[in-house]
Structures are given as structure tokens and as C-alpha cells.
Amino acid sequence: MIKQIKTAALSLVLSTMLLTSYSSYARSIHTAWDTLLKNNVVSINRGHSTEVDYAAMGDDHKALTRYLNSLSAISEAEFNDWSKPKQLAFLINAYNAWTVELILTKYPDLESIKDLGSFFSSPWSKEFIPLLGKTRSLDEIEHELIRGSGKYNDPRIHFAVNCASIGCPALREEAYTGEKLEAQLDEQTKRFLSDMTRNVVQQNELQLSSIFKWYGDDFKMGFRGAKSLNEFILQYPNAIKLIPAQQKALKIDKMKIKFLDYDWKLNAAM
């Protein structure tokens, strides 16, 4: 009986050690990306947005390659064992890191990520990313793994994934992690909504980024109870600087919403 108890106790200790080690690994896999971001992403526009020093990223390309290889080494089975926040942080980081890698294939000889596409194919449809057991495109990561899976249902991801353009929400100056993801996504949302170069309130009119037009349905899927874009915006009234009268008008759908043109120029530091 004592032997059985000791065996069970040893098994519990080993299991705990394995889980702790596994959790640490899932966390530390993004350390290299975190360093690259901290060293090469510059906050601008009073902190509302960022620029990327792609030249410096190119100088650190070996570190970026090692990081991308570490992402590719994760099997689908490993990924499926993680918590949802760790999965989502992994996918957002993967999207952003491979976007930087795509830009570096032609930088500095491009003015926009769109220059990497053609009449017949967009840069987002290029299949060049070995991830979770197959070769994928940026579109597949965003629209199938993140949005299309139905697993995460979090419209705030649109303020975290970065398409290397000025019109995009900021490329965050740190890696996303499962442990900090909730706070990171909320901060990114407030950061973007409060950027008056992308979202403007004028009397009874809201002028919003085209992101809210392109992905409008994502803001109607019940995140924190929001069943409309208006209800989502009303979760962040202070960020977008809505006075009480405007909040009331938006709540009863009496504010006009206009979508602004998107700036596709490269978000490169000069």
C-alpha cells in the first residue's frame, strides 16, 4: 500500500513538472520575437501607432529565421493541447512575424505590401508559411485559423494582427503571450480607437477605419454581449472620446457612420 502511494505521489510530481515545463516552453518560444520587436519597433503618433525599422530587422534576420523555425516546429497536436489564449497569442505572433519576413524579401525596394502581389494574386494569398503541419498563407492564418475556426470569437484580434501598412493598428512593441493576452488585446483596442488619424468623432458622425467595414460581422458576434458595431464601440467610449450625448445617439442608432480610406503605404521607420 505504501509503495502504491509513493508511486502515485511520484507520478503526480512528474506530471506537474512536465506541465510546468510545457507551460514555460509555450511562453518562452516567443522570447526571440519579443526581443526583435522591442529592438526594432518604434512608437509614434503619441503612442497610438508604430513604425518598423525593417533595415534593422534585416540585420537581425538570423534571429527572425530561428524564431520562425521554432514556430514551424510546433506540431498541431502540441498546439491543440494549449489553452485558447496561448493558441491565439501563437497565431497572432506567427501572422505578424511572417508578415515582417515577407516584407524583408523585397525591402527596401517596395512602397507597400501590395507591391508583393500581382494582378492575379495578393501577397496575403501566397503560400509560404510552414505552420501546424502544412504550408499556409497569411490569409489562412487570419481568416481560417484565427477568425474562421469559431474557437476564439474575439474581434479585438483586428487590432493585433498587423499588415505592415500605415493604416493598420500598431505592430505591438512586444510579443503576445497567453498569460497577458487579455490585457494586451484590450490595450491595443483602446490604442487604435483613440487614434484620431484613424477614427474620428465629429458631432453626430463617426468616421471609422475601414477595418470596421471589412470585418463588420466580427463585431456583431456577441463579444461581451455586443451584437452590433455600435454596441462594440460603446464598450470603449472613453477611448474614442464619445461624450454622453453621442453615446446615447450611438446606442439608439442615431449617429452616422462613415468609413475612412485606408493608407496602404509601408509602416517603415525612416
Protein backbone atom coordinates (compact mmCIF):
# COMPACT_ATOMS: atom_id res chain seq x y z
CA MET A 1 0.00 0.00 0.00
CA ILE A 2 2.83 2.39 0.95
CA LYS A 3 4.60 1.53 -2.31
CA GLN A 4 1.44 2.34 -4.28
CA ILE A 5 1.10 5.69 -2.51
CA LYS A 6 4.73 6.56 -3.21
CA THR A 7 4.33 5.59 -6.86
CA ALA A 8 1.19 7.72 -7.20
CA ALA A 9 2.91 10.65 -5.49
CA LEU A 10 5.94 10.34 -7.78
CA SER A 11 3.67 10.20 -10.81
CA LEU A 12 1.88 13.37 -9.66
CA VAL A 13 5.19 15.19 -9.15
CA LEU A 14 6.46 14.16 -12.58
CA SER A 15 3.19 15.20 -14.24
CA THR A 16 3.33 18.58 -12.51
CA MET A 17 6.93 19.06 -13.61
CA LEU A 18 6.06 18.19 -17.20
CA LEU A 19 3.09 20.56 -17.26
CA THR A 20 5.19 23.36 -15.76
CA SER A 21 7.97 22.73 -18.27
CA TYR A 22 5.45 22.64 -21.13
CA SER A 23 3.86 25.89 -19.97
CA SER A 24 7.27 27.56 -19.72
CA TYR A 25 8.16 26.37 -23.21
CA ALA A 26 4.93 27.74 -24.68
CA ARG A 27 5.76 31.04 -23.01
CA SER A 28 9.45 31.21 -23.90
CA ILE A 29 9.03 30.29 -27.55
CA HIS A 30 8.15 33.95 -28.21
CA THR A 31 11.13 35.42 -26.36
CA ALA A 32 13.15 35.92 -29.55
CA TRP A 33 10.24 37.68 -31.26
CA ASP A 34 9.74 39.84 -28.18
CA THR A 35 13.38 40.94 -28.39
CA LEU A 36 13.13 41.70 -32.10
CA LEU A 37 10.04 43.83 -31.53
CA LYS A 38 11.50 45.72 -28.59
CA ASN A 39 14.66 46.49 -30.58
CA ASN A 40 13.14 47.33 -33.95
CA VAL A 41 9.62 48.74 -33.48
CA VAL A 42 9.31 52.46 -32.72
CA SER A 43 6.30 54.13 -31.10
CA ILE A 44 4.99 57.20 -32.97
CA ASN A 45 1.93 59.44 -33.03
CA ARG A 46 1.96 59.86 -29.24
CA GLY A 47 1.95 56.11 -28.79
CA HIS A 48 -1.11 55.44 -30.97
CA SER A 49 0.86 53.68 -33.69
CA THR A 50 4.30 52.31 -34.53
CA GLU A 51 6.88 52.16 -37.28
CA VAL A 52 9.11 49.20 -38.05
CA ASP A 53 12.83 49.51 -38.65
CA TYR A 54 12.91 46.93 -41.43
CA ALA A 55 16.58 47.60 -42.14
CA ALA A 56 17.42 46.64 -38.56
CA MET A 57 15.09 43.64 -38.81
CA GLY A 58 17.10 42.62 -41.86
CA ASP A 59 20.31 42.90 -39.86
CA ASP A 60 18.70 40.58 -37.28
CA HIS A 61 17.39 38.23 -39.93
CA LYS A 62 19.12 35.16 -38.49
CA ALA A 63 17.29 35.71 -35.21
CA LEU A 64 13.99 36.13 -37.07
CA THR A 65 14.64 32.95 -39.06
CA ARG A 66 15.37 30.98 -35.88
CA TYR A 67 12.13 32.25 -34.37
CA LEU A 68 10.10 31.33 -37.46
CA ASN A 69 11.69 27.88 -37.46
CA SER A 70 10.71 27.44 -33.81
CA LEU A 71 7.09 28.22 -34.72
CA SER A 72 7.19 25.75 -37.59
CA ALA A 73 8.48 23.05 -35.22
CA ILE A 74 5.25 23.14 -33.19
CA SER A 75 3.02 20.23 -34.18
CA GLU A 76 -0.73 20.51 -34.47
CA ALA A 77 -1.08 18.05 -31.58
CA GLU A 78 1.10 20.25 -29.34
CA PHE A 79 -0.84 23.33 -30.35
CA ASN A 80 -4.18 21.67 -29.61
CA ASP A 81 -3.04 20.89 -26.06
CA TRP A 82 -2.54 24.57 -25.27
CA SER A 83 -5.13 26.87 -23.72
CA LYS A 84 -7.07 29.12 -26.09
CA PRO A 85 -5.17 32.28 -25.05
CA LYS A 86 -1.81 30.58 -25.75
CA GLN A 87 -3.08 29.35 -29.10
CA LEU A 88 -4.34 32.78 -30.09
CA ALA A 89 -1.14 34.52 -28.97
CA PHE A 90 0.84 32.00 -31.04
CA LEU A 91 -1.24 32.63 -34.16
CA ILE A 92 -1.10 36.44 -33.84
CA ASN A 93 2.68 36.36 -33.35
CA ALA A 94 3.04 33.98 -36.29
CA TYR A 95 1.00 36.26 -38.56
CA ASN A 96 2.98 39.33 -37.58
CA ALA A 97 6.41 37.69 -37.77
CA TRP A 98 5.81 36.14 -41.16
CA THR A 99 4.46 39.46 -42.44
CA VAL A 100 7.79 41.03 -41.48
CA GLU A 101 9.57 38.14 -43.20
CA LEU A 102 7.54 38.75 -46.37
CA ILE A 103 8.42 42.45 -46.37
CA LEU A 104 12.12 41.63 -45.97
CA THR A 105 12.08 39.58 -49.19
CA LYS A 106 11.96 42.86 -51.17
CA TYR A 107 12.80 45.64 -48.72
CA PRO A 108 13.76 48.41 -49.36
CA ASP A 109 12.50 48.09 -52.94
CA LEU A 110 8.81 48.45 -52.15
CA GLU A 111 6.42 51.15 -51.02
CA SER A 112 3.58 48.90 -49.88
CA ILE A 113 2.96 45.28 -49.02
CA LYS A 114 0.66 45.30 -52.02
CA ASP A 115 3.76 45.57 -54.22
CA LEU A 116 4.46 41.94 -53.32
CA GLY A 117 1.28 40.78 -55.02
CA SER A 118 0.19 40.70 -58.64
CA PHE A 119 -2.94 41.24 -60.69
CA PHE A 120 -3.86 37.59 -60.15
CA SER A 121 -2.65 37.05 -56.58
CA SER A 122 -2.48 39.12 -53.41
CA PRO A 123 0.50 38.98 -51.04
CA TRP A 124 -1.82 37.56 -48.40
CA SER A 125 -2.65 34.52 -50.54
CA LYS A 126 0.99 33.45 -51.04
CA GLU A 127 1.55 30.01 -49.51
CA PHE A 128 4.99 30.25 -47.93
CA ILE A 129 4.43 29.63 -44.22
CA PRO A 130 5.15 26.17 -42.77
CA LEU A 131 2.83 26.11 -39.77
CA LEU A 132 0.98 23.40 -37.88
CA GLY A 133 1.68 20.66 -40.36
CA LYS A 134 1.14 22.37 -43.71
CA THR A 135 2.24 25.29 -45.85
CA ARG A 136 -0.10 28.21 -45.33
CA SER A 137 -0.73 31.80 -46.39
CA LEU A 138 -1.26 34.86 -44.23
CA ASP A 139 -4.90 34.79 -45.28
CA GLU A 140 -5.22 31.23 -44.00
CA ILE A 141 -3.72 32.13 -40.61
CA GLU A 142 -6.04 35.11 -40.18
CA HIS A 143 -9.26 34.02 -41.83
CA GLU A 144 -9.23 30.28 -41.17
CA LEU A 145 -7.11 29.58 -38.09
CA ILE A 146 -8.00 32.75 -36.17
CA ARG A 147 -11.33 34.04 -37.45
CA GLY A 148 -12.80 31.07 -39.25
CA SER A 149 -12.23 28.47 -36.59
CA GLY A 150 -15.07 29.78 -34.42
CA LYS A 151 -12.86 28.96 -31.45
CA TYR A 152 -11.79 32.42 -30.35
CA ASN A 153 -14.58 34.82 -31.38
CA ASP A 154 -12.64 37.91 -30.38
CA PRO A 155 -12.88 40.91 -32.74
CA ARG A 156 -10.01 42.60 -30.91
CA ILE A 157 -7.62 40.46 -32.96
CA HIS A 158 -8.09 43.05 -35.72
CA PHE A 159 -6.10 45.49 -33.58
CA ALA A 160 -3.32 42.94 -33.02
CA VAL A 161 -2.58 41.39 -36.43
CA ASN A 162 -0.51 43.82 -38.48
CA CYS A 163 -0.47 44.08 -42.29
CA ALA A 164 2.70 46.22 -42.49
CA SER A 165 0.75 49.32 -43.52
CA ILE A 166 0.27 52.80 -42.06
CA GLY A 167 -3.48 52.25 -41.93
CA CYS A 168 -3.07 49.17 -39.76
CA PRO A 169 -3.29 49.17 -35.99
CA ALA A 170 0.14 49.33 -34.38
CA LEU A 171 2.52 46.41 -34.51
CA ARG A 172 2.85 45.95 -30.76
CA GLU A 173 6.33 46.50 -29.32
CA GLU A 174 6.24 43.17 -27.53
CA ALA A 175 5.20 39.62 -28.29
CA TYR A 176 1.75 38.39 -27.35
CA THR A 177 1.59 35.71 -24.67
CA GLY A 178 -1.24 33.61 -23.33
CA GLU A 179 -0.76 34.97 -19.83
CA LYS A 180 -1.03 38.62 -20.89
CA LEU A 181 -3.25 38.29 -23.95
CA GLU A 182 -6.46 39.69 -22.45
CA ALA A 183 -4.76 42.89 -21.27
CA GLN A 184 -2.73 43.19 -24.48
CA LEU A 185 -5.78 42.92 -26.74
CA ASP A 186 -7.74 45.41 -24.68
CA GLU A 187 -4.85 47.88 -24.72
CA GLN A 188 -4.43 47.50 -28.49
CA THR A 189 -8.15 48.16 -28.98
CA LYS A 190 -8.07 51.34 -26.91
CA ARG A 191 -4.85 52.40 -28.61
CA PHE A 192 -6.41 52.10 -32.05
CA LEU A 193 -9.79 53.60 -31.22
CA SER A 194 -8.17 56.64 -29.61
CA ASP A 195 -6.03 57.31 -32.70
CA MET A 196 -7.67 60.32 -34.31
CA THR A 197 -5.81 59.75 -37.58
CA ARG A 198 -7.84 56.54 -37.99
CA ASN A 199 -11.05 57.09 -36.03
CA VAL A 200 -12.72 60.48 -35.61
CA VAL A 201 -15.86 61.71 -33.85
CA GLN A 202 -17.49 64.82 -35.35
CA GLN A 203 -20.73 65.90 -33.71
CA ASN A 204 -23.21 63.17 -34.74
CA GLU A 205 -20.89 61.37 -37.17
CA LEU A 206 -18.37 58.61 -36.53
CA GLN A 207 -15.57 58.38 -39.07
CA LEU A 208 -14.02 54.94 -38.60
CA SER A 209 -11.20 52.91 -40.09
CA SER A 210 -12.21 50.67 -42.98
CA ILE A 211 -11.31 47.72 -40.75
CA PHE A 212 -14.76 48.13 -39.22
CA LYS A 213 -16.33 47.88 -42.68
CA TRP A 214 -14.30 44.93 -43.97
CA TYR A 215 -14.79 42.88 -40.82
CA GLY A 216 -18.09 44.32 -39.67
CA ASP A 217 -19.66 40.92 -38.99
CA ASP A 218 -16.94 40.08 -36.44
CA PHE A 219 -18.16 42.91 -34.23
CA LYS A 220 -21.71 41.53 -34.20
CA MET A 221 -20.95 38.05 -32.89
CA GLY A 222 -21.63 38.67 -29.22
CA PHE A 223 -18.24 39.66 -27.84
CA ARG A 224 -19.04 40.82 -24.29
CA GLY A 225 -22.66 40.90 -25.41
CA ALA A 226 -22.12 43.19 -28.42
CA LYS A 227 -24.49 42.29 -31.26
CA SER A 228 -23.62 45.29 -33.44
CA LEU A 229 -20.70 47.53 -34.31
CA ASN A 230 -22.36 50.31 -32.31
CA GLU A 231 -22.50 48.13 -29.22
CA PHE A 232 -18.86 47.18 -29.60
CA ILE A 233 -17.79 50.83 -29.91
CA LEU A 234 -19.86 51.68 -26.83
CA GLN A 235 -17.68 49.32 -24.79
CA TYR A 236 -14.84 51.84 -25.30
CA PRO A 237 -16.49 55.30 -25.12
CA ASN A 238 -13.55 56.97 -23.41
CA ALA A 239 -11.02 55.67 -25.91
CA ILE A 240 -12.89 57.09 -28.88
CA LYS A 241 -13.88 60.20 -26.87
CA LEU A 242 -17.67 59.91 -27.07
CA ILE A 243 -19.46 62.42 -24.87
CA PRO A 244 -22.67 61.19 -23.12
CA ALA A 245 -24.97 62.67 -25.77
CA GLN A 246 -23.03 60.90 -28.53
CA GLN A 247 -23.08 57.64 -26.60
CA LYS A 248 -26.85 57.91 -26.33
CA ALA A 249 -27.20 58.70 -30.04
CA LEU A 250 -24.98 55.75 -30.98
CA LYS A 251 -26.95 53.46 -28.70
CA ILE A 252 -30.22 54.27 -30.50
CA ASP A 253 -28.50 54.21 -33.91
CA LYS A 254 -28.80 57.96 -34.49
CA MET A 255 -25.15 58.56 -35.35
CA LYS A 256 -23.99 58.42 -38.93
CA ILE A 257 -21.03 56.11 -39.55
CA LYS A 258 -18.56 56.80 -42.35
CA PHE A 259 -15.55 54.64 -43.20
CA LEU A 260 -12.25 56.33 -43.99
CA ASP A 261 -9.83 55.47 -46.78
CA TYR A 262 -7.07 53.06 -45.81
CA ASP A 263 -3.42 54.00 -46.09
CA TRP A 264 -1.51 51.06 -47.59
CA LYS A 265 1.92 52.71 -47.53
CA LEU A 266 4.56 50.69 -45.72
CA ASN A 267 4.82 51.30 -41.96
CA ALA A 268 8.60 51.67 -42.23
CA ALA A 269 10.73 53.84 -39.97
CA MET A 270 12.60 56.49 -41.97
